[in-house]
């Protein structure tokens, strides 16, 4: 799983990290520059980073610019594709982060938000908030089966017998959804089909 799931840096901190690393590298390999210059450079850079953090803590207006802001990845059960692309998340990355919270199906999620410290906050849908032990057992016994991923049909899963291409096409037709507009489709543990469309696509009226 990609490391960006756990570390969300602003451009300022990213640049500061690179600068500090460059200074440290020169300190180790460039013997012609006096040591005191490296110390001064590190102190100045550290002071700048500290000052930015203080400003962010005391001034709400600049906090968003300096530290960043939370990114909503799922809203009302729908993936916000624009925000996913903005921070470089794939569906696999998002699912991996959800699995760490014992959520194995996107259909369970009402809202998911990536916080500025890199953690993922998740609000489940009402019907999934009070799962019993029997429900959890059923979830493990009948894992969701992915049928379409990033617009590509997963032939192996569609030929397992339980779900076929004809079944999937029929389900999409019921919802008046064109197959080419589906970015992600998965058959849930209860047999319910969950689909996510590409940005700009919508079901027919």
N, C-alpha and C. Protein backbone atom coordinates (compact mmCIF):
# COMPACT_ATOMS: atom_id res chain seq x y z
N UNK A 1 0.84 -1.19 0.00
CA UNK A 1 0.00 0.00 0.00
C UNK A 1 0.87 1.24 0.00
N UNK A 2 0.43 2.25 -0.71
CA UNK A 2 1.25 3.42 -0.90
C UNK A 2 1.42 4.19 0.39
N UNK A 3 2.65 4.71 0.58
CA UNK A 3 2.96 5.40 1.83
C UNK A 3 2.18 6.68 1.99
N UNK A 4 1.66 7.25 0.88
CA UNK A 4 0.95 8.51 1.02
C UNK A 4 -0.36 8.34 1.79
N UNK A 5 -0.78 7.11 2.01
CA UNK A 5 -1.97 6.89 2.83
C UNK A 5 -1.74 7.34 4.26
N UNK A 6 -0.50 7.38 4.69
CA UNK A 6 -0.20 7.67 6.09
C UNK A 6 0.53 8.99 6.29
N UNK A 7 1.06 9.56 5.22
CA UNK A 7 1.82 10.79 5.36
C UNK A 7 1.32 11.80 4.34
N UNK A 8 0.68 12.84 4.81
CA UNK A 8 0.18 13.87 3.92
C UNK A 8 0.92 15.16 4.24
N UNK A 9 1.86 15.55 3.38
CA UNK A 9 2.67 16.73 3.64
C UNK A 9 2.21 17.89 2.77
N UNK A 10 2.33 19.10 3.30
CA UNK A 10 2.10 20.28 2.49
C UNK A 10 3.35 20.54 1.68
N UNK A 11 3.24 21.41 0.68
CA UNK A 11 4.39 21.73 -0.14
C UNK A 11 5.50 22.38 0.70
N UNK A 12 5.10 23.19 1.69
CA UNK A 12 6.09 23.87 2.53
C UNK A 12 6.93 22.87 3.31
N UNK A 13 6.28 21.90 3.92
CA UNK A 13 7.02 20.89 4.69
C UNK A 13 7.84 20.00 3.77
N UNK A 14 7.31 19.73 2.60
CA UNK A 14 8.04 18.90 1.63
C UNK A 14 9.33 19.60 1.20
N UNK A 15 9.21 20.89 0.86
CA UNK A 15 10.38 21.66 0.45
C UNK A 15 11.37 21.78 1.59
N UNK A 16 10.86 22.00 2.81
CA UNK A 16 11.74 22.11 3.98
C UNK A 16 12.50 20.81 4.21
N UNK A 17 11.82 19.68 4.02
CA UNK A 17 12.48 18.38 4.21
C UNK A 17 13.61 18.18 3.21
N UNK A 18 13.34 18.55 1.94
CA UNK A 18 14.37 18.42 0.91
C UNK A 18 15.56 19.33 1.22
N UNK A 19 15.25 20.57 1.64
CA UNK A 19 16.32 21.52 1.94
C UNK A 19 17.19 21.04 3.09
N UNK A 20 16.55 20.55 4.16
CA UNK A 20 17.30 20.05 5.31
C UNK A 20 18.16 18.85 4.90
N UNK A 21 17.62 18.01 4.05
CA UNK A 21 18.38 16.85 3.59
C UNK A 21 19.59 17.27 2.75
N UNK A 22 19.40 18.29 1.91
CA UNK A 22 20.50 18.80 1.09
C UNK A 22 21.61 19.38 1.96
N UNK A 23 21.19 20.14 2.98
CA UNK A 23 22.18 20.73 3.90
C UNK A 23 22.96 19.63 4.61
N UNK A 24 22.25 18.61 5.09
CA UNK A 24 22.91 17.51 5.79
C UNK A 24 23.86 16.76 4.86
N UNK A 25 23.46 16.59 3.59
CA UNK A 25 24.32 15.91 2.63
C UNK A 25 25.60 16.67 2.36
N UNK A 26 25.48 17.98 2.21
CA UNK A 26 26.66 18.82 2.00
C UNK A 26 27.57 18.80 3.22
N UNK A 27 26.95 18.76 4.40
CA UNK A 27 27.75 18.72 5.63
C UNK A 27 28.61 17.46 5.68
N UNK A 28 28.07 16.37 5.15
CA UNK A 28 28.79 15.10 5.21
C UNK A 28 29.88 14.97 4.15
N UNK A 29 29.66 15.58 2.97
CA UNK A 29 30.57 15.32 1.85
C UNK A 29 31.36 16.53 1.34
N UNK A 30 30.96 17.73 1.72
CA UNK A 30 31.66 18.93 1.23
C UNK A 30 32.54 19.48 2.34
N UNK A 31 33.82 19.15 2.29
CA UNK A 31 34.73 19.54 3.37
C UNK A 31 35.29 20.95 3.17
N UNK A 32 35.00 21.56 2.02
CA UNK A 32 35.56 22.89 1.76
C UNK A 32 34.73 24.01 2.38
N UNK A 33 33.50 23.72 2.75
CA UNK A 33 32.64 24.74 3.37
C UNK A 33 32.74 24.61 4.88
N UNK A 34 32.85 25.74 5.53
CA UNK A 34 33.02 25.74 6.98
C UNK A 34 31.79 25.18 7.68
N UNK A 35 32.03 24.47 8.74
CA UNK A 35 30.96 23.82 9.50
C UNK A 35 29.94 24.83 10.02
N UNK A 36 30.41 26.01 10.41
CA UNK A 36 29.53 27.02 11.00
C UNK A 36 28.45 27.45 10.01
N UNK A 37 28.78 27.44 8.70
CA UNK A 37 27.80 27.83 7.69
C UNK A 37 26.63 26.83 7.64
N UNK A 38 26.96 25.57 7.80
CA UNK A 38 25.90 24.56 7.82
C UNK A 38 25.01 24.73 9.04
N UNK A 39 25.64 25.02 10.18
CA UNK A 39 24.87 25.22 11.41
C UNK A 39 23.92 26.39 11.25
N UNK A 40 24.43 27.50 10.69
CA UNK A 40 23.59 28.69 10.48
C UNK A 40 22.43 28.37 9.54
N UNK A 41 22.72 27.64 8.46
CA UNK A 41 21.68 27.30 7.48
C UNK A 41 20.58 26.45 8.12
N UNK A 42 20.99 25.46 8.92
CA UNK A 42 20.01 24.59 9.58
C UNK A 42 19.18 25.37 10.58
N UNK A 43 19.82 26.27 11.34
CA UNK A 43 19.10 27.09 12.32
C UNK A 43 18.08 27.98 11.62
N UNK A 44 18.48 28.60 10.51
CA UNK A 44 17.57 29.49 9.78
C UNK A 44 16.38 28.70 9.23
N UNK A 45 16.66 27.55 8.63
CA UNK A 45 15.57 26.74 8.08
C UNK A 45 14.64 26.25 9.18
N UNK A 46 15.22 25.84 10.30
CA UNK A 46 14.39 25.40 11.43
C UNK A 46 13.53 26.52 11.96
N UNK A 47 14.10 27.74 11.99
CA UNK A 47 13.34 28.90 12.47
C UNK A 47 12.18 29.22 11.54
N UNK A 48 12.41 29.09 10.23
CA UNK A 48 11.34 29.35 9.26
C UNK A 48 10.19 28.36 9.43
N UNK A 49 10.53 27.08 9.56
CA UNK A 49 9.50 26.06 9.74
C UNK A 49 8.74 26.29 11.03
N UNK A 50 9.46 26.62 12.11
CA UNK A 50 8.81 26.88 13.40
C UNK A 50 7.89 28.08 13.30
N UNK A 51 8.34 29.13 12.62
CA UNK A 51 7.53 30.34 12.46
C UNK A 51 6.24 30.05 11.69
N UNK A 52 6.37 29.26 10.63
CA UNK A 52 5.18 28.89 9.86
C UNK A 52 4.19 28.11 10.71
N UNK A 53 4.70 27.22 11.55
CA UNK A 53 3.82 26.45 12.43
C UNK A 53 3.12 27.34 13.44
N UNK A 54 3.83 28.32 13.98
CA UNK A 54 3.23 29.25 14.95
C UNK A 54 2.14 30.07 14.29
N UNK A 55 2.43 30.56 13.07
CA UNK A 55 1.42 31.33 12.34
C UNK A 55 0.18 30.49 12.07
N UNK A 56 0.41 29.23 11.70
CA UNK A 56 -0.71 28.33 11.41
C UNK A 56 -1.57 28.10 12.65
N UNK A 57 -0.94 28.03 13.82
CA UNK A 57 -1.68 27.78 15.05
C UNK A 57 -2.49 29.00 15.49
N UNK A 58 -1.96 30.18 15.23
CA UNK A 58 -2.59 31.40 15.75
C UNK A 58 -3.51 32.09 14.74
N UNK A 59 -3.32 31.82 13.47
CA UNK A 59 -4.11 32.51 12.45
C UNK A 59 -4.82 31.50 11.57
N UNK A 60 -6.12 31.42 11.74
CA UNK A 60 -6.90 30.43 11.01
C UNK A 60 -6.89 30.69 9.50
N UNK A 61 -6.75 31.96 9.14
CA UNK A 61 -6.77 32.33 7.73
C UNK A 61 -5.61 31.71 6.97
N UNK A 62 -4.43 31.66 7.61
CA UNK A 62 -3.24 31.14 6.95
C UNK A 62 -3.01 29.65 7.21
N UNK A 63 -3.81 29.08 8.10
CA UNK A 63 -3.61 27.68 8.45
C UNK A 63 -3.80 26.77 7.24
N UNK A 64 -4.84 27.05 6.47
CA UNK A 64 -5.12 26.24 5.29
C UNK A 64 -3.97 26.33 4.29
N UNK A 65 -3.40 27.53 4.14
CA UNK A 65 -2.33 27.74 3.17
C UNK A 65 -1.04 27.07 3.61
N UNK A 66 -0.76 27.11 4.92
CA UNK A 66 0.51 26.58 5.44
C UNK A 66 0.45 25.08 5.68
N UNK A 67 -0.59 24.63 6.38
CA UNK A 67 -0.68 23.22 6.78
C UNK A 67 -1.49 22.38 5.80
N UNK A 68 -2.48 23.01 5.17
CA UNK A 68 -3.38 22.26 4.31
C UNK A 68 -4.72 22.07 5.00
N UNK A 69 -5.60 21.31 4.38
CA UNK A 69 -6.92 21.07 4.93
C UNK A 69 -7.34 19.64 4.65
N UNK A 70 -8.27 19.13 5.43
CA UNK A 70 -8.75 17.76 5.19
C UNK A 70 -9.36 17.63 3.80
N UNK A 71 -9.22 16.45 3.22
CA UNK A 71 -9.79 16.17 1.91
C UNK A 71 -10.88 15.12 2.05
N UNK A 72 -12.07 15.44 1.59
CA UNK A 72 -13.18 14.49 1.61
C UNK A 72 -13.04 13.55 0.42
N UNK A 73 -12.93 12.26 0.70
CA UNK A 73 -12.75 11.27 -0.35
C UNK A 73 -14.06 10.56 -0.71
N UNK A 74 -14.95 10.43 0.27
CA UNK A 74 -16.27 9.84 0.03
C UNK A 74 -17.31 10.73 0.70
N UNK A 75 -18.34 11.10 -0.02
CA UNK A 75 -19.41 11.95 0.51
C UNK A 75 -20.74 11.35 0.11
N UNK A 76 -21.61 11.10 1.10
CA UNK A 76 -22.92 10.49 0.84
C UNK A 76 -22.79 9.17 0.07
N UNK A 77 -21.74 8.41 0.43
CA UNK A 77 -21.54 7.11 -0.19
C UNK A 77 -20.91 7.14 -1.56
N UNK A 78 -20.58 8.32 -2.07
CA UNK A 78 -20.00 8.45 -3.40
C UNK A 78 -18.55 8.90 -3.31
N UNK A 79 -17.69 8.27 -4.10
CA UNK A 79 -16.28 8.65 -4.15
C UNK A 79 -16.15 10.00 -4.85
N UNK A 80 -15.41 10.91 -4.24
CA UNK A 80 -15.16 12.22 -4.85
C UNK A 80 -13.91 12.08 -5.71
N UNK A 81 -14.11 11.78 -6.96
CA UNK A 81 -13.00 11.47 -7.86
C UNK A 81 -12.04 12.64 -8.01
N UNK A 82 -12.57 13.87 -8.01
CA UNK A 82 -11.72 15.05 -8.15
C UNK A 82 -10.71 15.14 -7.02
N UNK A 83 -11.16 14.88 -5.79
CA UNK A 83 -10.25 14.93 -4.64
C UNK A 83 -9.28 13.76 -4.65
N UNK A 84 -9.74 12.60 -5.13
CA UNK A 84 -8.86 11.43 -5.22
C UNK A 84 -7.68 11.73 -6.14
N UNK A 85 -7.98 12.33 -7.29
CA UNK A 85 -6.92 12.66 -8.24
C UNK A 85 -6.01 13.75 -7.69
N UNK A 86 -6.61 14.69 -6.97
CA UNK A 86 -5.85 15.82 -6.43
C UNK A 86 -4.72 15.36 -5.52
N UNK A 87 -4.97 14.34 -4.70
CA UNK A 87 -3.96 13.88 -3.75
C UNK A 87 -3.30 12.57 -4.19
N UNK A 88 -3.65 12.10 -5.38
CA UNK A 88 -2.98 10.92 -5.93
C UNK A 88 -3.41 9.60 -5.33
N UNK A 89 -4.70 9.48 -4.95
CA UNK A 89 -5.21 8.22 -4.39
C UNK A 89 -5.81 7.37 -5.50
N UNK A 90 -5.62 6.08 -5.43
CA UNK A 90 -6.32 5.14 -6.29
C UNK A 90 -7.39 4.44 -5.45
N UNK A 91 -8.29 3.75 -6.10
CA UNK A 91 -9.32 3.01 -5.37
C UNK A 91 -8.68 1.95 -4.48
N UNK A 92 -7.63 1.29 -4.99
CA UNK A 92 -6.95 0.27 -4.19
C UNK A 92 -6.36 0.87 -2.92
N UNK A 93 -5.79 2.08 -3.03
CA UNK A 93 -5.22 2.74 -1.86
C UNK A 93 -6.31 3.06 -0.83
N UNK A 94 -7.44 3.56 -1.33
CA UNK A 94 -8.54 3.90 -0.44
C UNK A 94 -9.09 2.65 0.26
N UNK A 95 -9.24 1.58 -0.50
CA UNK A 95 -9.74 0.34 0.10
C UNK A 95 -8.77 -0.20 1.15
N UNK A 96 -7.48 -0.05 0.89
CA UNK A 96 -6.49 -0.50 1.87
C UNK A 96 -6.60 0.27 3.17
N UNK A 97 -6.81 1.59 3.07
CA UNK A 97 -6.96 2.41 4.27
C UNK A 97 -8.24 2.04 5.03
N UNK A 98 -9.30 1.72 4.30
CA UNK A 98 -10.55 1.33 4.94
C UNK A 98 -10.43 -0.03 5.62
N UNK A 99 -9.68 -0.94 5.00
CA UNK A 99 -9.51 -2.26 5.61
C UNK A 99 -8.81 -2.16 6.96
N UNK A 100 -7.94 -1.18 7.12
CA UNK A 100 -7.28 -1.00 8.40
C UNK A 100 -8.26 -0.58 9.49
N UNK A 101 -9.43 -0.11 9.06
CA UNK A 101 -10.50 0.24 10.00
C UNK A 101 -11.58 -0.83 10.01
N UNK A 102 -11.23 -2.02 9.53
CA UNK A 102 -12.15 -3.16 9.49
C UNK A 102 -13.37 -2.89 8.62
N UNK A 103 -13.17 -2.12 7.56
CA UNK A 103 -14.23 -1.87 6.58
C UNK A 103 -13.78 -2.50 5.27
N UNK A 104 -14.50 -3.53 4.82
CA UNK A 104 -14.08 -4.29 3.66
C UNK A 104 -14.95 -4.04 2.43
N UNK A 105 -15.85 -3.09 2.52
CA UNK A 105 -16.76 -2.85 1.42
C UNK A 105 -17.08 -1.35 1.36
N UNK A 106 -16.87 -0.74 0.20
CA UNK A 106 -17.13 0.69 0.05
C UNK A 106 -18.58 1.06 0.32
N UNK A 107 -19.47 0.09 0.12
CA UNK A 107 -20.90 0.36 0.30
C UNK A 107 -21.22 0.71 1.75
N UNK A 108 -20.36 0.34 2.69
CA UNK A 108 -20.61 0.62 4.10
C UNK A 108 -20.36 2.09 4.47
N UNK A 109 -19.64 2.81 3.62
CA UNK A 109 -19.13 4.13 4.00
C UNK A 109 -20.08 5.25 3.59
N UNK A 110 -20.45 6.07 4.56
CA UNK A 110 -21.23 7.27 4.29
C UNK A 110 -20.30 8.43 3.93
N UNK A 111 -19.24 8.58 4.72
CA UNK A 111 -18.28 9.66 4.47
C UNK A 111 -16.89 9.23 4.93
N UNK A 112 -15.88 9.58 4.14
CA UNK A 112 -14.49 9.31 4.51
C UNK A 112 -13.68 10.57 4.23
N UNK A 113 -12.85 10.93 5.18
CA UNK A 113 -12.10 12.18 5.07
C UNK A 113 -10.64 11.97 5.49
N UNK A 114 -9.72 12.41 4.64
CA UNK A 114 -8.30 12.34 4.97
C UNK A 114 -7.91 13.58 5.75
N UNK A 115 -7.47 13.38 7.00
CA UNK A 115 -7.11 14.50 7.86
C UNK A 115 -5.72 15.02 7.51
N UNK A 116 -5.40 16.21 8.03
CA UNK A 116 -4.12 16.82 7.69
C UNK A 116 -2.94 16.07 8.30
N UNK A 117 -3.19 15.23 9.30
CA UNK A 117 -2.10 14.44 9.89
C UNK A 117 -1.93 13.09 9.19
N UNK A 118 -2.70 12.87 8.11
CA UNK A 118 -2.57 11.64 7.34
C UNK A 118 -3.52 10.52 7.72
N UNK A 119 -4.27 10.69 8.81
CA UNK A 119 -5.21 9.64 9.23
C UNK A 119 -6.51 9.75 8.43
N UNK A 120 -7.20 8.62 8.33
CA UNK A 120 -8.47 8.58 7.60
C UNK A 120 -9.62 8.47 8.58
N UNK A 121 -10.53 9.43 8.56
CA UNK A 121 -11.73 9.40 9.41
C UNK A 121 -12.89 8.87 8.58
N UNK A 122 -13.64 7.95 9.15
CA UNK A 122 -14.71 7.28 8.40
C UNK A 122 -16.01 7.28 9.19
N UNK A 123 -17.09 7.63 8.52
CA UNK A 123 -18.44 7.53 9.09
C UNK A 123 -19.19 6.47 8.29
N UNK A 124 -19.63 5.42 8.98
CA UNK A 124 -20.37 4.36 8.30
C UNK A 124 -21.82 4.79 8.07
N UNK A 125 -22.44 4.14 7.10
CA UNK A 125 -23.87 4.33 6.90
C UNK A 125 -24.62 3.78 8.09
N UNK A 126 -25.81 4.30 8.31
CA UNK A 126 -26.59 3.95 9.49
C UNK A 126 -26.79 2.44 9.63
N UNK A 127 -27.07 1.79 8.52
CA UNK A 127 -27.37 0.35 8.60
C UNK A 127 -26.15 -0.51 8.90
N UNK A 128 -24.97 0.10 8.86
CA UNK A 128 -23.74 -0.66 9.13
C UNK A 128 -23.08 -0.28 10.45
N UNK A 129 -23.74 0.54 11.24
CA UNK A 129 -23.08 1.04 12.45
C UNK A 129 -23.22 0.13 13.65
N UNK A 130 -24.14 -0.81 13.62
CA UNK A 130 -24.34 -1.69 14.77
C UNK A 130 -24.32 -3.15 14.32
N UNK A 131 -23.21 -3.55 13.73
CA UNK A 131 -23.08 -4.93 13.26
C UNK A 131 -22.99 -5.90 14.44
N UNK A 132 -23.69 -7.01 14.33
CA UNK A 132 -23.61 -8.07 15.34
C UNK A 132 -22.49 -9.03 14.97
N UNK A 133 -22.17 -9.95 15.89
CA UNK A 133 -21.15 -10.95 15.60
C UNK A 133 -21.56 -11.82 14.42
N UNK A 134 -22.85 -12.10 14.32
CA UNK A 134 -23.34 -12.91 13.20
C UNK A 134 -23.13 -12.18 11.87
N UNK A 135 -23.35 -10.86 11.89
CA UNK A 135 -23.15 -10.07 10.67
C UNK A 135 -21.69 -10.09 10.24
N UNK A 136 -20.80 -9.94 11.22
CA UNK A 136 -19.37 -9.95 10.91
C UNK A 136 -18.94 -11.30 10.35
N UNK A 137 -19.49 -12.38 10.92
CA UNK A 137 -19.16 -13.72 10.43
C UNK A 137 -19.63 -13.89 8.98
N UNK A 138 -20.82 -13.41 8.70
CA UNK A 138 -21.36 -13.51 7.34
C UNK A 138 -20.51 -12.71 6.37
N UNK A 139 -20.00 -11.58 6.84
CA UNK A 139 -19.17 -10.74 5.98
C UNK A 139 -17.89 -11.46 5.59
N UNK A 140 -17.31 -12.20 6.54
CA UNK A 140 -16.08 -12.93 6.25
C UNK A 140 -16.38 -14.17 5.41
N UNK A 141 -17.54 -14.79 5.63
CA UNK A 141 -17.89 -16.01 4.90
C UNK A 141 -18.17 -15.73 3.43
N UNK A 142 -18.72 -14.56 3.13
CA UNK A 142 -19.09 -14.20 1.77
C UNK A 142 -18.46 -12.86 1.44
N UNK A 143 -17.22 -12.89 1.05
CA UNK A 143 -16.49 -11.66 0.76
C UNK A 143 -17.05 -11.00 -0.49
N UNK A 144 -17.03 -9.67 -0.57
CA UNK A 144 -17.45 -8.97 -1.78
C UNK A 144 -16.61 -9.40 -2.97
N UNK A 145 -17.22 -9.44 -4.14
CA UNK A 145 -16.52 -9.84 -5.37
C UNK A 145 -16.48 -8.66 -6.32
N UNK A 146 -15.28 -8.20 -6.64
CA UNK A 146 -15.11 -7.09 -7.56
C UNK A 146 -15.35 -7.57 -8.98
N UNK A 147 -16.12 -6.78 -9.74
CA UNK A 147 -16.46 -7.17 -11.10
C UNK A 147 -15.87 -6.22 -12.14
N UNK A 148 -15.75 -4.94 -11.78
CA UNK A 148 -15.13 -3.94 -12.66
C UNK A 148 -14.19 -3.10 -11.81
N UNK A 149 -12.98 -2.88 -12.30
CA UNK A 149 -12.01 -2.06 -11.58
C UNK A 149 -11.34 -1.11 -12.56
N UNK A 150 -11.45 0.19 -12.29
CA UNK A 150 -10.90 1.23 -13.17
C UNK A 150 -11.40 1.04 -14.61
N UNK A 151 -12.67 0.68 -14.75
CA UNK A 151 -13.30 0.53 -16.06
C UNK A 151 -13.03 -0.79 -16.76
N UNK A 152 -12.19 -1.65 -16.17
CA UNK A 152 -11.86 -2.93 -16.79
C UNK A 152 -12.64 -4.07 -16.13
N UNK A 153 -13.24 -4.92 -16.96
CA UNK A 153 -14.02 -6.04 -16.45
C UNK A 153 -13.07 -7.12 -15.95
N UNK A 154 -13.31 -7.61 -14.76
CA UNK A 154 -12.46 -8.64 -14.17
C UNK A 154 -12.98 -10.01 -14.59
N UNK A 155 -12.40 -10.53 -15.67
CA UNK A 155 -12.90 -11.75 -16.31
C UNK A 155 -12.91 -12.94 -15.35
N UNK A 156 -11.87 -13.06 -14.54
CA UNK A 156 -11.79 -14.21 -13.63
C UNK A 156 -12.96 -14.24 -12.66
N UNK A 157 -13.29 -13.08 -12.09
CA UNK A 157 -14.39 -13.01 -11.13
C UNK A 157 -15.74 -13.20 -11.80
N UNK A 158 -15.84 -12.77 -13.06
CA UNK A 158 -17.11 -12.89 -13.78
C UNK A 158 -17.35 -14.30 -14.31
N UNK A 159 -16.34 -15.14 -14.23
CA UNK A 159 -16.49 -16.52 -14.72
C UNK A 159 -16.54 -17.53 -13.58
N UNK A 160 -16.73 -17.01 -12.34
CA UNK A 160 -16.74 -17.90 -11.18
C UNK A 160 -18.06 -18.64 -11.02
N UNK A 161 -19.09 -18.23 -11.76
CA UNK A 161 -20.37 -18.93 -11.68
C UNK A 161 -21.42 -18.16 -10.91
N UNK A 162 -21.01 -17.54 -9.80
CA UNK A 162 -21.99 -16.83 -8.97
C UNK A 162 -22.48 -15.57 -9.67
N UNK A 163 -21.56 -14.86 -10.33
CA UNK A 163 -21.90 -13.65 -11.07
C UNK A 163 -21.33 -13.77 -12.48
N UNK A 164 -22.14 -13.44 -13.46
CA UNK A 164 -21.72 -13.55 -14.85
C UNK A 164 -21.83 -12.19 -15.54
N UNK A 165 -21.30 -12.12 -16.77
CA UNK A 165 -21.41 -10.89 -17.55
C UNK A 165 -22.87 -10.56 -17.82
N UNK A 166 -23.64 -11.59 -18.14
CA UNK A 166 -25.06 -11.37 -18.43
C UNK A 166 -25.78 -10.81 -17.21
N UNK A 167 -25.47 -11.35 -16.03
CA UNK A 167 -26.09 -10.85 -14.80
C UNK A 167 -25.72 -9.40 -14.56
N UNK A 168 -24.44 -9.08 -14.75
CA UNK A 168 -23.98 -7.71 -14.51
C UNK A 168 -24.60 -6.74 -15.50
N UNK A 169 -24.65 -7.13 -16.78
CA UNK A 169 -25.26 -6.26 -17.79
C UNK A 169 -26.74 -6.03 -17.49
N UNK A 170 -27.41 -7.08 -17.02
CA UNK A 170 -28.83 -6.95 -16.68
C UNK A 170 -29.02 -5.99 -15.51
N UNK A 171 -28.14 -6.07 -14.51
CA UNK A 171 -28.23 -5.18 -13.35
C UNK A 171 -27.98 -3.74 -13.76
N UNK A 172 -27.00 -3.53 -14.65
CA UNK A 172 -26.71 -2.17 -15.12
C UNK A 172 -27.87 -1.62 -15.93
N UNK A 173 -28.50 -2.49 -16.72
CA UNK A 173 -29.64 -2.06 -17.53
C UNK A 173 -30.81 -1.64 -16.64
N UNK A 174 -31.01 -2.36 -15.52
CA UNK A 174 -32.07 -2.00 -14.58
C UNK A 174 -31.87 -0.58 -14.05
N UNK A 175 -30.60 -0.22 -13.86
CA UNK A 175 -30.29 1.11 -13.32
C UNK A 175 -30.08 2.14 -14.43
N UNK A 176 -30.24 1.68 -15.68
CA UNK A 176 -30.06 2.55 -16.84
C UNK A 176 -28.67 3.17 -16.85
N UNK A 177 -27.70 2.31 -16.63
CA UNK A 177 -26.30 2.72 -16.62
C UNK A 177 -25.58 2.03 -17.77
N UNK A 178 -24.83 2.80 -18.55
CA UNK A 178 -24.05 2.22 -19.64
C UNK A 178 -22.80 1.57 -19.07
N UNK A 179 -22.48 0.39 -19.59
CA UNK A 179 -21.34 -0.36 -19.06
C UNK A 179 -20.04 0.42 -19.16
N UNK A 180 -19.88 1.20 -20.23
CA UNK A 180 -18.65 1.95 -20.42
C UNK A 180 -18.45 3.10 -19.45
N UNK A 181 -19.51 3.48 -18.73
CA UNK A 181 -19.40 4.60 -17.79
C UNK A 181 -19.06 4.15 -16.38
N UNK A 182 -18.96 2.82 -16.17
CA UNK A 182 -18.72 2.28 -14.82
C UNK A 182 -17.22 2.22 -14.54
N UNK A 183 -16.80 2.90 -13.49
CA UNK A 183 -15.40 2.87 -13.08
C UNK A 183 -15.12 1.69 -12.16
N UNK A 184 -16.08 1.40 -11.26
CA UNK A 184 -15.88 0.35 -10.26
C UNK A 184 -17.21 -0.31 -9.97
N UNK A 185 -17.21 -1.64 -9.92
CA UNK A 185 -18.43 -2.39 -9.58
C UNK A 185 -18.04 -3.58 -8.72
N UNK A 186 -18.83 -3.80 -7.67
CA UNK A 186 -18.55 -4.91 -6.77
C UNK A 186 -19.87 -5.49 -6.28
N UNK A 187 -19.93 -6.81 -6.21
CA UNK A 187 -21.10 -7.50 -5.65
C UNK A 187 -20.84 -7.70 -4.17
N UNK A 188 -21.70 -7.11 -3.34
CA UNK A 188 -21.50 -7.15 -1.90
C UNK A 188 -21.77 -8.52 -1.31
N UNK A 189 -21.48 -8.64 -0.02
CA UNK A 189 -21.65 -9.92 0.67
C UNK A 189 -23.11 -10.36 0.69
N UNK A 190 -24.04 -9.40 0.52
CA UNK A 190 -25.46 -9.74 0.50
C UNK A 190 -26.01 -9.84 -0.92
N UNK A 191 -25.10 -9.78 -1.91
CA UNK A 191 -25.53 -9.89 -3.30
C UNK A 191 -25.90 -8.58 -3.95
N UNK A 192 -25.87 -7.49 -3.20
CA UNK A 192 -26.21 -6.18 -3.75
C UNK A 192 -25.06 -5.65 -4.60
N UNK A 193 -25.40 -5.09 -5.75
CA UNK A 193 -24.38 -4.53 -6.64
C UNK A 193 -24.15 -3.06 -6.30
N UNK A 194 -22.89 -2.74 -6.05
CA UNK A 194 -22.49 -1.35 -5.80
C UNK A 194 -21.65 -0.89 -6.98
N UNK A 195 -21.98 0.28 -7.54
CA UNK A 195 -21.22 0.79 -8.68
C UNK A 195 -20.79 2.23 -8.43
N UNK A 196 -19.66 2.57 -9.04
CA UNK A 196 -19.14 3.93 -9.01
C UNK A 196 -18.84 4.32 -10.45
N UNK A 197 -19.41 5.46 -10.89
CA UNK A 197 -19.25 5.90 -12.27
C UNK A 197 -18.04 6.80 -12.43
N UNK A 198 -17.55 6.88 -13.67
CA UNK A 198 -16.49 7.84 -13.97
C UNK A 198 -17.04 9.25 -13.80
N UNK A 199 -16.16 10.20 -13.52
CA UNK A 199 -16.57 11.59 -13.36
C UNK A 199 -17.23 12.06 -14.66
N UNK A 200 -18.36 12.74 -14.53
CA UNK A 200 -19.08 13.24 -15.68
C UNK A 200 -20.11 12.28 -16.22
N UNK A 201 -20.08 11.04 -15.75
CA UNK A 201 -21.06 10.04 -16.19
C UNK A 201 -22.24 10.02 -15.23
N UNK A 202 -23.39 9.68 -15.72
CA UNK A 202 -24.56 9.56 -14.86
C UNK A 202 -25.55 8.59 -15.48
N UNK A 203 -26.39 8.03 -14.63
CA UNK A 203 -27.39 7.09 -15.14
C UNK A 203 -28.44 7.84 -15.93
N UNK A 204 -29.07 7.14 -16.87
CA UNK A 204 -30.11 7.75 -17.68
C UNK A 204 -31.38 7.92 -16.88
N UNK A 205 -32.15 8.90 -17.21
CA UNK A 205 -33.43 9.13 -16.55
C UNK A 205 -34.48 8.18 -17.11
